[in-house]
Amino acid sequence: MNPFLIAGSTIVVIALIFYSIGVIAEQRKRLVTNFVLTFVSLGLLCDVTGTVCMIIGAHKIITLHGFIGYSALIGMLVDIILLYRFKRSRIQTPSHSLHLYTRIAYLWWVVAFVSGCALAMVR
């Protein structure tokens, strides 16, 4: 297996851990704290890094999995922007729509992660 794909896969697993810690903390407490922002931001950083590694190591850039993965990455980026904007407003409890969007973006990201795992197992 290509070393870039191995590195990218490893980094994306770390992104899953960071995203999970941040999103689960937000969903349970219904608060956007510095803890949540730190872990979701670390998840995004790892996600972007892992995606770049996989793009370098892949033969095809545009695939169904690529589309799902890129859209999930954009969804998490939008979520982080919304969470930071919310945190700046000094309101403690996020609106129902932001809380729901965070959950949907995270679940879509997990779908992209699982589809990548399934693809790796088939190869």
C-alpha atoms as a PDB file:
ATOM      1  CA  MET A   1       0.000   0.000   0.000  1.00  0.00           C
ATOM      2  CA  ASN A   2       1.144   3.519  -0.792  1.00  0.00           C
ATOM      3  CA  PRO A   3       2.851   5.222   2.200  1.00  0.00           C
ATOM      4  CA  PHE A   4       0.791   8.401   1.659  1.00  0.00           C
ATOM      5  CA  LEU A   5      -2.416   6.364   1.898  1.00  0.00           C
ATOM      6  CA  ILE A   6      -1.193   4.698   5.100  1.00  0.00           C
ATOM      7  CA  ALA A   7      -0.266   8.051   6.643  1.00  0.00           C
ATOM      8  CA  GLY A   8      -3.547   9.616   5.504  1.00  0.00           C
ATOM      9  CA  SER A   9      -5.588   6.722   6.886  1.00  0.00           C
ATOM     10  CA  THR A  10      -3.813   6.907  10.234  1.00  0.00           C
ATOM     11  CA  ILE A  11      -4.289  10.665  10.477  1.00  0.00           C
ATOM     12  CA  VAL A  12      -7.985  10.365   9.590  1.00  0.00           C
ATOM     13  CA  VAL A  13      -8.455   7.830  12.415  1.00  0.00           C
ATOM     14  CA  ILE A  14      -6.965  10.431  14.762  1.00  0.00           C
ATOM     15  CA  ALA A  15      -9.389  12.987  13.286  1.00  0.00           C
ATOM     16  CA  LEU A  16     -12.257  10.621  14.105  1.00  0.00           C
ATOM     17  CA  ILE A  17     -11.108  10.481  17.728  1.00  0.00           C
ATOM     18  CA  PHE A  18     -10.815  14.274  18.019  1.00  0.00           C
ATOM     19  CA  TYR A  19     -14.139  14.936  16.260  1.00  0.00           C
ATOM     20  CA  SER A  20     -15.863  12.331  18.427  1.00  0.00           C
ATOM     21  CA  ILE A  21     -14.578  13.802  21.690  1.00  0.00           C
ATOM     22  CA  GLY A  22     -15.595  17.338  20.695  1.00  0.00           C
ATOM     23  CA  VAL A  23     -18.986  16.541  19.204  1.00  0.00           C
ATOM     24  CA  ILE A  24     -20.018  14.120  21.948  1.00  0.00           C
ATOM     25  CA  ALA A  25     -19.067  16.716  24.591  1.00  0.00           C
ATOM     26  CA  GLU A  26     -21.175  19.347  22.801  1.00  0.00           C
ATOM     27  CA  GLN A  27     -24.110  16.999  22.305  1.00  0.00           C
ATOM     28  CA  ARG A  28     -24.149  15.801  25.920  1.00  0.00           C
ATOM     29  CA  LYS A  29     -23.703  19.138  27.669  1.00  0.00           C
ATOM     30  CA  ARG A  30     -25.411  21.253  24.997  1.00  0.00           C
ATOM     31  CA  LEU A  31     -22.645  23.811  25.490  1.00  0.00           C
ATOM     32  CA  VAL A  32     -20.029  25.193  23.125  1.00  0.00           C
ATOM     33  CA  THR A  33     -16.952  25.335  25.339  1.00  0.00           C
ATOM     34  CA  ASN A  34     -13.278  25.878  24.635  1.00  0.00           C
ATOM     35  CA  PHE A  35     -12.870  22.108  25.166  1.00  0.00           C
ATOM     36  CA  VAL A  36     -15.359  21.404  22.359  1.00  0.00           C
ATOM     37  CA  LEU A  37     -13.760  23.960  20.033  1.00  0.00           C
ATOM     38  CA  THR A  38     -10.274  22.615  20.694  1.00  0.00           C
ATOM     39  CA  PHE A  39     -11.127  19.007  19.894  1.00  0.00           C
ATOM     40  CA  VAL A  40     -13.279  19.770  16.864  1.00  0.00           C
ATOM     41  CA  SER A  41     -10.541  22.087  15.541  1.00  0.00           C
ATOM     42  CA  LEU A  42      -7.895  19.390  16.053  1.00  0.00           C
ATOM     43  CA  GLY A  43     -10.212  16.990  14.224  1.00  0.00           C
ATOM     44  CA  LEU A  44     -10.465  19.391  11.296  1.00  0.00           C
ATOM     45  CA  LEU A  45      -6.699  19.883  11.201  1.00  0.00           C
ATOM     46  CA  CYS A  46      -6.129  16.111  11.116  1.00  0.00           C
ATOM     47  CA  ASP A  47      -8.941  15.665   8.595  1.00  0.00           C
ATOM     48  CA  VAL A  48      -7.435  18.181   6.171  1.00  0.00           C
ATOM     49  CA  THR A  49      -3.941  16.725   6.627  1.00  0.00           C
ATOM     50  CA  GLY A  50      -5.186  13.165   6.114  1.00  0.00           C
ATOM     51  CA  THR A  51      -7.218  14.162   3.075  1.00  0.00           C
ATOM     52  CA  VAL A  52      -4.197  15.857   1.484  1.00  0.00           C
ATOM     53  CA  CYS A  53      -2.090  12.736   2.103  1.00  0.00           C
ATOM     54  CA  MET A  54      -4.750  10.541   0.518  1.00  0.00           C
ATOM     55  CA  ILE A  55      -5.084  12.844  -2.491  1.00  0.00           C
ATOM     56  CA  ILE A  56      -1.304  12.642  -3.017  1.00  0.00           C
ATOM     57  CA  GLY A  57      -1.347   8.848  -2.723  1.00  0.00           C
ATOM     58  CA  ALA A  58      -4.517   8.191  -4.741  1.00  0.00           C
ATOM     59  CA  HIS A  59      -4.656   7.448  -8.435  1.00  0.00           C
ATOM     60  CA  LYS A  60      -8.060   9.088  -8.856  1.00  0.00           C
ATOM     61  CA  ILE A  61      -9.118  12.283  -7.109  1.00  0.00           C
ATOM     62  CA  ILE A  62     -12.787  12.323  -8.148  1.00  0.00           C
ATOM     63  CA  THR A  63     -14.627   9.205  -6.997  1.00  0.00           C
ATOM     64  CA  LEU A  64     -17.873   8.566  -5.146  1.00  0.00           C
ATOM     65  CA  HIS A  65     -15.943   8.169  -1.901  1.00  0.00           C
ATOM     66  CA  GLY A  66     -13.993  11.337  -2.704  1.00  0.00           C
ATOM     67  CA  PHE A  67     -17.216  13.288  -3.210  1.00  0.00           C
ATOM     68  CA  ILE A  68     -18.638  11.975   0.067  1.00  0.00           C
ATOM     69  CA  GLY A  69     -15.370  12.718   1.878  1.00  0.00           C
ATOM     70  CA  TYR A  70     -14.961  16.230   0.468  1.00  0.00           C
ATOM     71  CA  SER A  71     -18.578  17.114   1.274  1.00  0.00           C
ATOM     72  CA  ALA A  72     -18.148  15.755   4.818  1.00  0.00           C
ATOM     73  CA  LEU A  73     -14.974  17.811   5.245  1.00  0.00           C
ATOM     74  CA  ILE A  74     -16.788  20.940   4.057  1.00  0.00           C
ATOM     75  CA  GLY A  75     -19.687  20.130   6.402  1.00  0.00           C
ATOM     76  CA  MET A  76     -17.334  19.944   9.379  1.00  0.00           C
ATOM     77  CA  LEU A  77     -15.589  23.149   8.297  1.00  0.00           C
ATOM     78  CA  VAL A  78     -18.937  24.955   8.196  1.00  0.00           C
ATOM     79  CA  ASP A  79     -19.804  23.482  11.602  1.00  0.00           C
ATOM     80  CA  ILE A  80     -16.585  24.764  13.137  1.00  0.00           C
ATOM     81  CA  ILE A  81     -17.130  28.235  11.677  1.00  0.00           C
ATOM     82  CA  LEU A  82     -20.660  28.258  13.124  1.00  0.00           C
ATOM     83  CA  LEU A  83     -19.439  27.013  16.513  1.00  0.00           C
ATOM     84  CA  TYR A  84     -16.743  29.710  16.689  1.00  0.00           C
ATOM     85  CA  ARG A  85     -19.239  32.404  15.684  1.00  0.00           C
ATOM     86  CA  PHE A  86     -21.643  31.126  18.308  1.00  0.00           C
ATOM     87  CA  LYS A  87     -18.957  31.073  21.000  1.00  0.00           C
ATOM     88  CA  ARG A  88     -18.060  34.676  20.177  1.00  0.00           C
ATOM     89  CA  SER A  89     -21.670  35.734  20.796  1.00  0.00           C
ATOM     90  CA  ARG A  90     -21.206  34.842  24.503  1.00  0.00           C
ATOM     91  CA  ILE A  91     -24.439  32.841  24.639  1.00  0.00           C
ATOM     92  CA  GLN A  92     -23.971  29.606  26.582  1.00  0.00           C
ATOM     93  CA  THR A  93     -26.513  27.220  25.070  1.00  0.00           C
ATOM     94  CA  PRO A  94     -26.484  26.713  21.289  1.00  0.00           C
ATOM     95  CA  SER A  95     -29.710  26.985  19.332  1.00  0.00           C
ATOM     96  CA  HIS A  96     -31.533  23.798  18.441  1.00  0.00           C
ATOM     97  CA  SER A  97     -30.595  24.261  14.770  1.00  0.00           C
ATOM     98  CA  LEU A  98     -26.850  24.572  15.518  1.00  0.00           C
ATOM     99  CA  HIS A  99     -27.019  21.598  17.862  1.00  0.00           C
ATOM    100  CA  LEU A 100     -28.775  19.563  15.154  1.00  0.00           C
ATOM    101  CA  TYR A 101     -26.398  20.723  12.396  1.00  0.00           C
ATOM    102  CA  THR A 102     -23.400  19.623  14.467  1.00  0.00           C
ATOM    103  CA  ARG A 103     -24.926  16.163  14.847  1.00  0.00           C
ATOM    104  CA  ILE A 104     -25.795  15.847  11.139  1.00  0.00           C
ATOM    105  CA  ALA A 105     -22.365  17.086   9.957  1.00  0.00           C
ATOM    106  CA  TYR A 106     -20.626  14.653  12.302  1.00  0.00           C
ATOM    107  CA  LEU A 107     -22.794  11.707  11.227  1.00  0.00           C
ATOM    108  CA  TRP A 108     -22.168  12.530   7.553  1.00  0.00           C
ATOM    109  CA  TRP A 109     -18.437  12.616   8.324  1.00  0.00           C
ATOM    110  CA  VAL A 110     -18.703   9.178   9.972  1.00  0.00           C
ATOM    111  CA  VAL A 111     -20.475   7.883   6.832  1.00  0.00           C
ATOM    112  CA  ALA A 112     -17.504   9.120   4.774  1.00  0.00           C
ATOM    113  CA  PHE A 113     -15.097   7.487   7.230  1.00  0.00           C
ATOM    114  CA  VAL A 114     -16.921   4.134   7.123  1.00  0.00           C
ATOM    115  CA  SER A 115     -17.156   4.201   3.322  1.00  0.00           C
ATOM    116  CA  GLY A 116     -13.376   4.735   3.190  1.00  0.00           C
ATOM    117  CA  CYS A 117     -12.847   1.800   5.548  1.00  0.00           C
ATOM    118  CA  ALA A 118     -15.100  -0.383   3.398  1.00  0.00           C
ATOM    119  CA  LEU A 119     -13.185   0.633   0.280  1.00  0.00           C
ATOM    120  CA  ALA A 120      -9.855  -0.188   1.935  1.00  0.00           C
ATOM    121  CA  MET A 121     -11.134  -3.614   2.965  1.00  0.00           C
ATOM    122  CA  VAL A 122     -12.274  -4.417  -0.582  1.00  0.00           C
ATOM    123  CA  ARG A 123      -8.873  -3.571  -2.084  1.00  0.00           C
END
